[in-house]
């Protein structure tokens, strides 16, 4: 196989993705202290294979958080109802994704999820800054007032973080989700 062989490229991408997914899972299950050898084993590759894709632990953490940021966007987009062609469409998709419709986001926002494990890690702050700018732009373009979006967005994130805890029962999550979806509807103007 040549270096430009599409099969080799697919295998390389598949291996990289397997490493990232194993690292996400293991960091969420065991915290930041999980070893590179454990991650390699979880991905079904040799430690040398992991090191080929991610030459250091910091590079792996950076890759995991970049992957997480991309997946979060994919999850929110998947929860946007394309039939809801009105202001707040993106915000409603965000609420749906964060308040129970996305197993991936439930995992990311769980008390042991990636946000808790690496949310304050200095080596990934530039990812968070870039990603925050993208989220802010998407919410700003959604047609709702900034004040409403802030309340809805941060309430959805709070519900996501507390879901599954004794503080937010399934009934409370459903009630909170319904209230946030209602708030994400455009205000009716009198005729």
N, C-alpha and C. Protein backbone atom coordinates (compact mmCIF):
# COMPACT_ATOMS: atom_id res chain seq x y z
N UNK A 1 0.84 -1.19 0.00
CA UNK A 1 0.00 0.00 0.00
C UNK A 1 0.88 1.24 0.00
N UNK A 2 0.49 2.21 -0.79
CA UNK A 2 1.22 3.48 -0.80
C UNK A 2 0.70 4.36 0.32
N UNK A 3 1.44 5.41 0.63
CA UNK A 3 1.02 6.32 1.69
C UNK A 3 -0.28 7.04 1.36
N UNK A 4 -0.60 7.14 0.08
CA UNK A 4 -1.83 7.84 -0.31
C UNK A 4 -2.98 6.87 -0.57
N UNK A 5 -2.77 5.63 -0.26
CA UNK A 5 -3.80 4.62 -0.46
C UNK A 5 -5.01 4.96 0.41
N UNK A 6 -6.22 5.03 -0.19
CA UNK A 6 -7.41 5.38 0.60
C UNK A 6 -7.69 4.40 1.73
N UNK A 7 -7.35 3.12 1.54
CA UNK A 7 -7.58 2.13 2.60
C UNK A 7 -6.68 2.43 3.80
N UNK A 8 -5.43 2.77 3.53
CA UNK A 8 -4.51 3.12 4.63
C UNK A 8 -4.99 4.35 5.36
N UNK A 9 -5.49 5.34 4.62
CA UNK A 9 -6.00 6.56 5.25
C UNK A 9 -7.20 6.24 6.13
N UNK A 10 -8.12 5.41 5.62
CA UNK A 10 -9.29 5.03 6.42
C UNK A 10 -8.87 4.31 7.68
N UNK A 11 -7.90 3.40 7.57
CA UNK A 11 -7.43 2.68 8.75
C UNK A 11 -6.81 3.64 9.76
N UNK A 12 -6.04 4.60 9.28
CA UNK A 12 -5.42 5.58 10.16
C UNK A 12 -6.50 6.40 10.87
N UNK A 13 -7.50 6.85 10.12
CA UNK A 13 -8.60 7.62 10.72
C UNK A 13 -9.39 6.77 11.70
N UNK A 14 -9.63 5.53 11.34
CA UNK A 14 -10.38 4.63 12.23
C UNK A 14 -9.61 4.38 13.52
N UNK A 15 -8.30 4.20 13.41
CA UNK A 15 -7.47 3.98 14.60
C UNK A 15 -7.47 5.21 15.49
N UNK A 16 -7.31 6.37 14.88
CA UNK A 16 -7.33 7.63 15.64
C UNK A 16 -8.67 7.79 16.37
N UNK A 17 -9.76 7.53 15.65
CA UNK A 17 -11.09 7.65 16.25
C UNK A 17 -11.26 6.64 17.40
N UNK A 18 -10.77 5.41 17.20
CA UNK A 18 -10.86 4.39 18.26
C UNK A 18 -10.10 4.83 19.50
N UNK A 19 -8.94 5.44 19.30
CA UNK A 19 -8.15 5.94 20.44
C UNK A 19 -8.91 7.05 21.15
N UNK A 20 -9.44 8.01 20.39
CA UNK A 20 -10.18 9.12 20.99
C UNK A 20 -11.40 8.63 21.75
N UNK A 21 -12.14 7.71 21.17
CA UNK A 21 -13.34 7.20 21.84
C UNK A 21 -12.99 6.41 23.09
N UNK A 22 -11.93 5.61 23.04
CA UNK A 22 -11.49 4.87 24.23
C UNK A 22 -11.03 5.84 25.32
N UNK A 23 -10.29 6.86 24.92
CA UNK A 23 -9.81 7.85 25.89
C UNK A 23 -10.98 8.59 26.53
N UNK A 24 -11.94 9.01 25.73
CA UNK A 24 -13.14 9.68 26.28
C UNK A 24 -13.82 8.79 27.31
N UNK A 25 -14.06 7.55 26.92
CA UNK A 25 -14.76 6.62 27.81
C UNK A 25 -13.98 6.40 29.10
N UNK A 26 -12.68 6.14 28.98
CA UNK A 26 -11.88 5.83 30.16
C UNK A 26 -11.66 7.05 31.04
N UNK A 27 -11.45 8.22 30.44
CA UNK A 27 -11.33 9.44 31.26
C UNK A 27 -12.63 9.68 32.02
N UNK A 28 -13.78 9.43 31.38
CA UNK A 28 -15.06 9.62 32.05
C UNK A 28 -15.27 8.60 33.16
N UNK A 29 -14.86 7.36 32.91
CA UNK A 29 -15.06 6.30 33.90
C UNK A 29 -14.08 6.38 35.06
N UNK A 30 -12.80 6.72 34.77
CA UNK A 30 -11.75 6.61 35.78
C UNK A 30 -11.06 7.92 36.13
N UNK A 31 -11.39 8.99 35.43
CA UNK A 31 -10.76 10.27 35.71
C UNK A 31 -9.49 10.49 34.91
N UNK A 32 -8.85 11.62 35.17
CA UNK A 32 -7.68 12.04 34.40
C UNK A 32 -6.46 11.15 34.62
N UNK A 33 -6.46 10.34 35.67
CA UNK A 33 -5.30 9.53 35.99
C UNK A 33 -5.15 8.24 35.20
N UNK A 34 -6.08 7.96 34.31
CA UNK A 34 -5.98 6.72 33.52
C UNK A 34 -4.69 6.74 32.70
N UNK A 35 -4.05 5.60 32.60
CA UNK A 35 -2.75 5.54 31.91
C UNK A 35 -2.91 5.44 30.40
N UNK A 36 -1.87 5.85 29.69
CA UNK A 36 -1.87 5.73 28.23
C UNK A 36 -1.94 4.26 27.82
N UNK A 37 -1.31 3.38 28.59
CA UNK A 37 -1.37 1.94 28.29
C UNK A 37 -2.81 1.43 28.38
N UNK A 38 -3.55 1.89 29.39
CA UNK A 38 -4.95 1.49 29.52
C UNK A 38 -5.79 2.00 28.35
N UNK A 39 -5.51 3.23 27.93
CA UNK A 39 -6.24 3.80 26.80
C UNK A 39 -5.93 3.02 25.53
N UNK A 40 -4.65 2.71 25.32
CA UNK A 40 -4.26 1.94 24.14
C UNK A 40 -4.97 0.58 24.14
N UNK A 41 -4.97 -0.07 25.29
CA UNK A 41 -5.65 -1.37 25.41
C UNK A 41 -7.14 -1.22 25.11
N UNK A 42 -7.75 -0.17 25.65
CA UNK A 42 -9.17 0.08 25.41
C UNK A 42 -9.49 0.34 23.95
N UNK A 43 -8.53 0.88 23.22
CA UNK A 43 -8.71 1.17 21.79
C UNK A 43 -8.33 -0.01 20.92
N UNK A 44 -7.73 -1.04 21.52
CA UNK A 44 -7.30 -2.20 20.75
C UNK A 44 -6.06 -1.95 19.92
N UNK A 45 -5.19 -1.05 20.42
CA UNK A 45 -3.93 -0.77 19.72
C UNK A 45 -2.78 -0.90 20.71
N UNK A 46 -1.58 -1.00 20.18
CA UNK A 46 -0.39 -1.01 21.03
C UNK A 46 -0.14 0.41 21.52
N UNK A 47 0.55 0.53 22.64
CA UNK A 47 0.86 1.87 23.16
C UNK A 47 1.65 2.67 22.13
N UNK A 48 2.53 2.00 21.38
CA UNK A 48 3.27 2.68 20.31
C UNK A 48 2.35 3.24 19.24
N UNK A 49 1.26 2.53 18.96
CA UNK A 49 0.27 3.02 17.99
C UNK A 49 -0.42 4.26 18.50
N UNK A 50 -0.74 4.26 19.80
CA UNK A 50 -1.34 5.45 20.41
C UNK A 50 -0.36 6.62 20.31
N UNK A 51 0.90 6.35 20.65
CA UNK A 51 1.92 7.41 20.64
C UNK A 51 2.20 7.93 19.23
N UNK A 52 1.97 7.10 18.23
CA UNK A 52 2.12 7.55 16.84
C UNK A 52 1.10 8.65 16.53
N UNK A 53 -0.12 8.47 17.00
CA UNK A 53 -1.18 9.44 16.75
C UNK A 53 -1.13 10.61 17.73
N UNK A 54 -0.74 10.34 18.96
CA UNK A 54 -0.71 11.36 20.02
C UNK A 54 0.61 11.22 20.76
N UNK A 55 1.63 12.01 20.39
CA UNK A 55 2.98 11.82 20.92
C UNK A 55 3.14 12.12 22.41
N UNK A 56 2.13 12.71 23.05
CA UNK A 56 2.21 12.98 24.48
C UNK A 56 0.81 12.89 25.09
N UNK A 57 0.78 12.80 26.40
CA UNK A 57 -0.51 12.79 27.10
C UNK A 57 -1.27 14.08 26.83
N UNK A 58 -0.56 15.23 26.85
CA UNK A 58 -1.22 16.51 26.56
C UNK A 58 -1.82 16.52 25.16
N UNK A 59 -1.11 15.94 24.19
CA UNK A 59 -1.63 15.88 22.82
C UNK A 59 -2.90 15.03 22.77
N UNK A 60 -2.93 13.95 23.55
CA UNK A 60 -4.12 13.10 23.60
C UNK A 60 -5.29 13.85 24.24
N UNK A 61 -5.05 14.50 25.37
CA UNK A 61 -6.10 15.26 26.03
C UNK A 61 -6.64 16.34 25.09
N UNK A 62 -5.73 17.02 24.39
CA UNK A 62 -6.13 18.05 23.43
C UNK A 62 -7.00 17.43 22.33
N UNK A 63 -6.56 16.30 21.81
CA UNK A 63 -7.33 15.61 20.77
C UNK A 63 -8.70 15.18 21.25
N UNK A 64 -8.77 14.68 22.48
CA UNK A 64 -10.04 14.25 23.06
C UNK A 64 -10.99 15.44 23.18
N UNK A 65 -10.49 16.56 23.67
CA UNK A 65 -11.37 17.71 23.85
C UNK A 65 -11.79 18.33 22.51
N UNK A 66 -10.91 18.30 21.51
CA UNK A 66 -11.32 18.74 20.17
C UNK A 66 -12.41 17.82 19.63
N UNK A 67 -12.22 16.52 19.79
CA UNK A 67 -13.21 15.53 19.35
C UNK A 67 -14.53 15.76 20.08
N UNK A 68 -14.46 16.01 21.36
CA UNK A 68 -15.65 16.27 22.17
C UNK A 68 -16.38 17.51 21.66
N UNK A 69 -15.65 18.58 21.36
CA UNK A 69 -16.27 19.81 20.86
C UNK A 69 -17.00 19.54 19.55
N UNK A 70 -16.38 18.80 18.66
CA UNK A 70 -17.01 18.47 17.37
C UNK A 70 -18.26 17.62 17.60
N UNK A 71 -18.15 16.62 18.46
CA UNK A 71 -19.30 15.75 18.75
C UNK A 71 -20.46 16.52 19.37
N UNK A 72 -20.14 17.48 20.23
CA UNK A 72 -21.22 18.28 20.84
C UNK A 72 -22.01 19.01 19.76
N UNK A 73 -21.30 19.61 18.81
CA UNK A 73 -21.97 20.29 17.70
C UNK A 73 -22.82 19.31 16.91
N UNK A 74 -22.28 18.14 16.62
CA UNK A 74 -23.02 17.14 15.86
C UNK A 74 -24.30 16.74 16.59
N UNK A 75 -24.19 16.56 17.90
CA UNK A 75 -25.36 16.17 18.69
C UNK A 75 -26.43 17.26 18.68
N UNK A 76 -26.03 18.50 18.85
CA UNK A 76 -27.02 19.58 18.85
C UNK A 76 -27.67 19.68 17.47
N UNK A 77 -26.86 19.64 16.42
CA UNK A 77 -27.43 19.71 15.06
C UNK A 77 -28.42 18.57 14.81
N UNK A 78 -28.12 17.40 15.33
CA UNK A 78 -29.01 16.25 15.15
C UNK A 78 -30.34 16.44 15.87
N UNK A 79 -30.39 17.34 16.83
CA UNK A 79 -31.62 17.57 17.61
C UNK A 79 -32.37 18.82 17.18
N UNK A 80 -31.92 19.45 16.12
CA UNK A 80 -32.64 20.60 15.57
C UNK A 80 -33.76 20.06 14.69
N UNK A 81 -34.97 20.51 14.95
CA UNK A 81 -36.13 20.10 14.16
C UNK A 81 -36.21 21.03 12.95
N UNK A 82 -35.89 20.49 11.78
CA UNK A 82 -35.86 21.30 10.56
C UNK A 82 -37.25 21.79 10.16
N UNK A 83 -38.29 21.21 10.75
CA UNK A 83 -39.65 21.68 10.51
C UNK A 83 -40.01 22.92 11.31
N UNK A 84 -39.19 23.25 12.29
CA UNK A 84 -39.43 24.44 13.14
C UNK A 84 -38.71 25.64 12.55
N UNK A 85 -39.22 26.16 11.47
CA UNK A 85 -38.54 27.27 10.80
C UNK A 85 -39.04 28.58 11.41
N UNK A 86 -38.48 28.88 12.58
CA UNK A 86 -38.82 30.12 13.29
C UNK A 86 -37.70 30.41 14.27
N UNK A 87 -37.70 31.60 14.80
CA UNK A 87 -36.67 32.00 15.76
C UNK A 87 -36.59 30.98 16.89
N UNK A 88 -35.37 30.72 17.35
CA UNK A 88 -35.15 29.79 18.46
C UNK A 88 -34.92 28.35 18.04
N UNK A 89 -34.90 28.07 16.75
CA UNK A 89 -34.74 26.70 16.26
C UNK A 89 -33.46 26.06 16.80
N UNK A 90 -32.34 26.77 16.71
CA UNK A 90 -31.07 26.26 17.20
C UNK A 90 -31.11 26.07 18.72
N UNK A 91 -31.65 27.05 19.42
CA UNK A 91 -31.73 26.99 20.88
C UNK A 91 -32.57 25.81 21.34
N UNK A 92 -33.68 25.55 20.66
CA UNK A 92 -34.50 24.39 21.02
C UNK A 92 -33.74 23.07 20.78
N UNK A 93 -32.99 23.00 19.71
CA UNK A 93 -32.16 21.81 19.47
C UNK A 93 -31.14 21.62 20.58
N UNK A 94 -30.56 22.73 21.04
CA UNK A 94 -29.58 22.69 22.13
C UNK A 94 -30.24 22.16 23.41
N UNK A 95 -31.43 22.68 23.71
CA UNK A 95 -32.15 22.23 24.91
C UNK A 95 -32.45 20.74 24.81
N UNK A 96 -32.96 20.30 23.67
CA UNK A 96 -33.28 18.87 23.51
C UNK A 96 -32.04 18.00 23.70
N UNK A 97 -30.96 18.40 23.09
CA UNK A 97 -29.73 17.60 23.17
C UNK A 97 -29.20 17.53 24.60
N UNK A 98 -29.22 18.65 25.31
CA UNK A 98 -28.63 18.68 26.65
C UNK A 98 -29.54 18.12 27.73
N UNK A 99 -30.83 18.07 27.48
CA UNK A 99 -31.74 17.65 28.56
C UNK A 99 -32.30 16.26 28.35
N UNK A 100 -31.51 15.38 27.75
CA UNK A 100 -31.89 13.99 27.76
C UNK A 100 -31.97 13.26 26.45
N UNK A 101 -31.99 13.95 25.33
CA UNK A 101 -32.11 13.23 24.07
C UNK A 101 -30.78 12.73 23.54
N UNK A 102 -29.68 13.13 24.13
CA UNK A 102 -28.37 12.72 23.65
C UNK A 102 -27.61 11.96 24.73
N UNK A 103 -27.43 10.67 24.52
CA UNK A 103 -26.65 9.88 25.47
C UNK A 103 -25.22 10.41 25.56
N UNK A 104 -24.68 10.84 24.41
CA UNK A 104 -23.31 11.36 24.40
C UNK A 104 -23.19 12.59 25.30
N UNK A 105 -24.10 13.55 25.13
CA UNK A 105 -24.01 14.76 25.95
C UNK A 105 -24.33 14.48 27.41
N UNK A 106 -25.21 13.53 27.67
CA UNK A 106 -25.45 13.13 29.06
C UNK A 106 -24.16 12.63 29.69
N UNK A 107 -23.39 11.89 28.93
CA UNK A 107 -22.10 11.38 29.41
C UNK A 107 -21.10 12.51 29.61
N UNK A 108 -21.00 13.42 28.65
CA UNK A 108 -20.04 14.53 28.73
C UNK A 108 -20.33 15.42 29.93
N UNK A 109 -21.61 15.67 30.21
CA UNK A 109 -22.00 16.56 31.30
C UNK A 109 -22.18 15.84 32.63
N UNK A 110 -21.99 14.53 32.68
CA UNK A 110 -22.17 13.80 33.93
C UNK A 110 -21.12 14.26 34.95
N UNK A 111 -21.34 13.97 36.23
CA UNK A 111 -20.37 14.39 37.25
C UNK A 111 -18.95 13.87 37.03
N UNK A 112 -18.81 12.78 36.29
CA UNK A 112 -17.48 12.25 35.99
C UNK A 112 -17.13 12.42 34.52
N UNK A 113 -17.92 13.18 33.79
CA UNK A 113 -17.72 13.35 32.35
C UNK A 113 -16.53 14.25 32.02
N UNK A 114 -16.31 14.41 30.74
CA UNK A 114 -15.14 15.15 30.26
C UNK A 114 -15.13 16.60 30.72
N UNK A 115 -16.30 17.22 30.84
CA UNK A 115 -16.35 18.61 31.31
C UNK A 115 -15.79 18.68 32.73
N UNK A 116 -16.19 17.74 33.58
CA UNK A 116 -15.70 17.73 34.96
C UNK A 116 -14.21 17.38 35.02
N UNK A 117 -13.77 16.46 34.17
CA UNK A 117 -12.38 16.00 34.22
C UNK A 117 -11.42 17.04 33.68
N UNK A 118 -11.76 17.68 32.56
CA UNK A 118 -10.80 18.57 31.89
C UNK A 118 -11.30 20.00 31.71
N UNK A 119 -12.42 20.36 32.32
CA UNK A 119 -13.00 21.68 32.12
C UNK A 119 -12.09 22.84 32.46
N UNK A 120 -11.17 22.66 33.38
CA UNK A 120 -10.26 23.74 33.78
C UNK A 120 -8.82 23.49 33.36
N UNK A 121 -8.58 22.48 32.55
CA UNK A 121 -7.21 22.15 32.14
C UNK A 121 -6.64 23.25 31.24
N UNK A 122 -5.50 23.77 31.63
CA UNK A 122 -4.87 24.88 30.90
C UNK A 122 -4.56 24.51 29.46
N UNK A 123 -4.19 23.26 29.21
CA UNK A 123 -3.77 22.86 27.87
C UNK A 123 -4.91 22.84 26.85
N UNK A 124 -6.16 22.95 27.30
CA UNK A 124 -7.28 22.92 26.35
C UNK A 124 -8.09 24.22 26.35
N UNK A 125 -7.63 25.23 27.04
CA UNK A 125 -8.40 26.46 27.12
C UNK A 125 -8.62 27.12 25.76
N UNK A 126 -7.64 27.00 24.85
CA UNK A 126 -7.85 27.60 23.53
C UNK A 126 -8.97 26.90 22.77
N UNK A 127 -9.16 25.61 22.99
CA UNK A 127 -10.30 24.91 22.37
C UNK A 127 -11.59 25.49 22.90
N UNK A 128 -11.67 25.67 24.22
CA UNK A 128 -12.89 26.21 24.82
C UNK A 128 -13.15 27.63 24.35
N UNK A 129 -12.11 28.44 24.22
CA UNK A 129 -12.31 29.82 23.76
C UNK A 129 -12.83 29.86 22.33
N UNK A 130 -12.24 29.07 21.44
CA UNK A 130 -12.72 29.01 20.04
C UNK A 130 -14.14 28.47 19.99
N UNK A 131 -14.38 27.41 20.73
CA UNK A 131 -15.70 26.78 20.72
C UNK A 131 -16.76 27.72 21.30
N UNK A 132 -16.42 28.42 22.37
CA UNK A 132 -17.36 29.37 22.97
C UNK A 132 -17.75 30.45 21.97
N UNK A 133 -16.78 30.94 21.20
CA UNK A 133 -17.08 31.96 20.20
C UNK A 133 -18.05 31.42 19.15
N UNK A 134 -17.87 30.17 18.75
CA UNK A 134 -18.78 29.56 17.77
C UNK A 134 -20.19 29.39 18.34
N UNK A 135 -20.28 28.91 19.58
CA UNK A 135 -21.60 28.77 20.22
C UNK A 135 -22.26 30.13 20.36
N UNK A 136 -21.51 31.12 20.82
CA UNK A 136 -22.08 32.46 21.00
C UNK A 136 -22.62 33.00 19.68
N UNK A 137 -21.89 32.80 18.60
CA UNK A 137 -22.33 33.28 17.28
C UNK A 137 -23.60 32.55 16.84
N UNK A 138 -23.65 31.24 17.07
CA UNK A 138 -24.84 30.47 16.68
C UNK A 138 -26.07 30.91 17.46
N UNK A 139 -25.90 31.13 18.76
CA UNK A 139 -27.04 31.60 19.56
C UNK A 139 -27.44 33.01 19.16
N UNK A 140 -26.48 33.87 18.88
CA UNK A 140 -26.78 35.25 18.48
C UNK A 140 -27.56 35.30 17.17
N UNK A 141 -27.33 34.34 16.29
CA UNK A 141 -27.99 34.32 14.99
C UNK A 141 -29.35 33.60 15.03
N UNK A 142 -29.76 33.15 16.20
CA UNK A 142 -30.96 32.31 16.30
C UNK A 142 -32.26 33.09 16.38
N UNK A 143 -32.20 34.40 16.50
CA UNK A 143 -33.41 35.21 16.45
C UNK A 143 -34.09 35.47 17.78
N UNK A 144 -33.51 35.01 18.88
CA UNK A 144 -34.06 35.30 20.21
C UNK A 144 -33.21 36.38 20.87
N UNK A 145 -33.77 37.04 21.87
CA UNK A 145 -32.99 38.07 22.57
C UNK A 145 -31.83 37.43 23.31
N UNK A 146 -30.78 38.20 23.46
CA UNK A 146 -29.58 37.72 24.17
C UNK A 146 -29.93 37.28 25.58
N UNK A 147 -30.77 38.05 26.26
CA UNK A 147 -31.14 37.73 27.64
C UNK A 147 -31.84 36.38 27.73
N UNK A 148 -32.80 36.14 26.83
CA UNK A 148 -33.52 34.86 26.86
C UNK A 148 -32.58 33.70 26.55
N UNK A 149 -31.73 33.89 25.56
CA UNK A 149 -30.80 32.82 25.20
C UNK A 149 -29.89 32.48 26.37
N UNK A 150 -29.39 33.50 27.07
CA UNK A 150 -28.51 33.24 28.21
C UNK A 150 -29.22 32.41 29.28
N UNK A 151 -30.44 32.79 29.60
CA UNK A 151 -31.19 32.06 30.63
C UNK A 151 -31.45 30.63 30.17
N UNK A 152 -31.90 30.46 28.95
CA UNK A 152 -32.22 29.12 28.43
C UNK A 152 -30.97 28.26 28.35
N UNK A 153 -29.93 28.82 27.77
CA UNK A 153 -28.68 28.06 27.57
C UNK A 153 -28.09 27.58 28.89
N UNK A 154 -27.94 28.50 29.83
CA UNK A 154 -27.29 28.12 31.08
C UNK A 154 -28.19 27.27 31.97
N UNK A 155 -29.50 27.44 31.85
CA UNK A 155 -30.41 26.54 32.57
C UNK A 155 -30.32 25.13 31.99
N UNK A 156 -30.24 25.01 30.67
CA UNK A 156 -30.10 23.69 30.03
C UNK A 156 -28.80 23.03 30.46
N UNK A 157 -27.72 23.81 30.50
CA UNK A 157 -26.43 23.26 30.93
C UNK A 157 -26.48 22.84 32.40
N UNK A 158 -27.16 23.62 33.23
CA UNK A 158 -27.32 23.25 34.64
C UNK A 158 -28.10 21.96 34.80
N UNK A 159 -29.18 21.83 34.03
CA UNK A 159 -29.95 20.58 34.07
C UNK A 159 -29.10 19.40 33.60
N UNK A 160 -28.31 19.63 32.56
CA UNK A 160 -27.45 18.56 32.04
C UNK A 160 -26.44 18.11 33.09
N UNK A 161 -25.86 19.06 33.81
CA UNK A 161 -24.87 18.73 34.84
C UNK A 161 -25.49 18.02 36.04
N UNK A 162 -26.73 18.38 36.38
CA UNK A 162 -27.36 17.82 37.57
C UNK A 162 -28.23 16.59 37.27
N UNK A 163 -28.50 16.32 36.00
CA UNK A 163 -29.34 15.17 35.65
C UNK A 163 -28.74 13.89 36.23
N UNK A 164 -29.61 13.06 36.74
CA UNK A 164 -29.15 11.81 37.32
C UNK A 164 -28.72 11.93 38.77
N UNK A 165 -28.69 13.14 39.29
CA UNK A 165 -28.35 13.33 40.70
C UNK A 165 -29.64 13.38 41.51
N UNK A 166 -29.55 13.31 42.83
CA UNK A 166 -30.77 13.42 43.64
C UNK A 166 -31.43 14.79 43.52
N UNK A 167 -30.72 15.77 43.00
CA UNK A 167 -31.25 17.13 42.91
C UNK A 167 -32.16 17.35 41.72
N UNK A 168 -32.01 16.55 40.68
CA UNK A 168 -32.86 16.67 39.50
C UNK A 168 -33.42 15.28 39.18
N UNK A 169 -34.65 15.08 39.59
CA UNK A 169 -35.33 13.81 39.31
C UNK A 169 -35.70 13.76 37.83
N UNK A 170 -36.02 12.59 37.31
CA UNK A 170 -36.47 12.52 35.92
C UNK A 170 -37.68 13.42 35.66
N UNK A 171 -38.60 13.49 36.63
CA UNK A 171 -39.78 14.36 36.46
C UNK A 171 -39.37 15.83 36.41
N UNK A 172 -38.42 16.22 37.26
CA UNK A 172 -37.95 17.61 37.25
C UNK A 172 -37.23 17.93 35.95
N UNK A 173 -36.47 16.98 35.43
CA UNK A 173 -35.77 17.18 34.16
C UNK A 173 -36.78 17.39 33.03
N UNK A 174 -37.82 16.57 33.01
CA UNK A 174 -38.86 16.71 31.98
C UNK A 174 -39.56 18.05 32.10
N UNK A 175 -39.89 18.45 33.32
CA UNK A 175 -40.55 19.73 33.55
C UNK A 175 -39.65 20.89 33.14
N UNK A 176 -38.39 20.84 33.55
CA UNK A 176 -37.44 21.89 33.18
C UNK A 176 -37.24 21.98 31.68
N UNK A 177 -37.12 20.84 31.04
CA UNK A 177 -36.97 20.80 29.58
C UNK A 177 -38.17 21.45 28.89
N UNK A 178 -39.38 21.09 29.32
CA UNK A 178 -40.59 21.67 28.72
C UNK A 178 -40.62 23.18 28.89
N UNK A 179 -40.25 23.64 30.07
CA UNK A 179 -40.24 25.09 30.32
C UNK A 179 -39.21 25.79 29.43
N UNK A 180 -38.04 25.20 29.28
CA UNK A 180 -37.00 25.81 28.44
C UNK A 180 -37.39 25.81 26.97
N UNK A 181 -38.01 24.73 26.51
CA UNK A 181 -38.47 24.70 25.12
C UNK A 181 -39.53 25.76 24.88
N UNK A 182 -40.42 25.97 25.85
CA UNK A 182 -41.43 27.02 25.71
C UNK A 182 -40.78 28.40 25.68
N UNK A 183 -39.77 28.61 26.52
CA UNK A 183 -39.05 29.89 26.52
C UNK A 183 -38.30 30.13 25.22
N UNK A 184 -37.94 29.06 24.53
CA UNK A 184 -37.18 29.18 23.29
C UNK A 184 -38.07 29.43 22.07
N UNK A 185 -39.36 29.56 22.30
CA UNK A 185 -40.27 29.93 21.21
C UNK A 185 -40.26 31.45 21.05
N UNK A 186 -40.42 31.92 19.82
CA UNK A 186 -40.45 33.38 19.62
C UNK A 186 -41.66 33.99 20.31
N UNK A 187 -41.49 35.20 20.80
CA UNK A 187 -42.60 35.91 21.43
C UNK A 187 -43.62 36.28 20.37
N UNK A 188 -44.88 36.11 20.73
CA UNK A 188 -45.93 36.50 19.78
C UNK A 188 -46.13 38.00 19.88
N UNK A 189 -46.28 38.62 18.73
CA UNK A 189 -46.54 40.06 18.72
C UNK A 189 -48.03 40.28 18.52
N UNK A 190 -48.60 41.23 19.25
CA UNK A 190 -50.04 41.48 19.13
C UNK A 190 -50.39 41.91 17.70
N UNK A 191 -51.55 41.46 17.24
CA UNK A 191 -51.98 41.79 15.87
C UNK A 191 -52.55 43.18 15.77
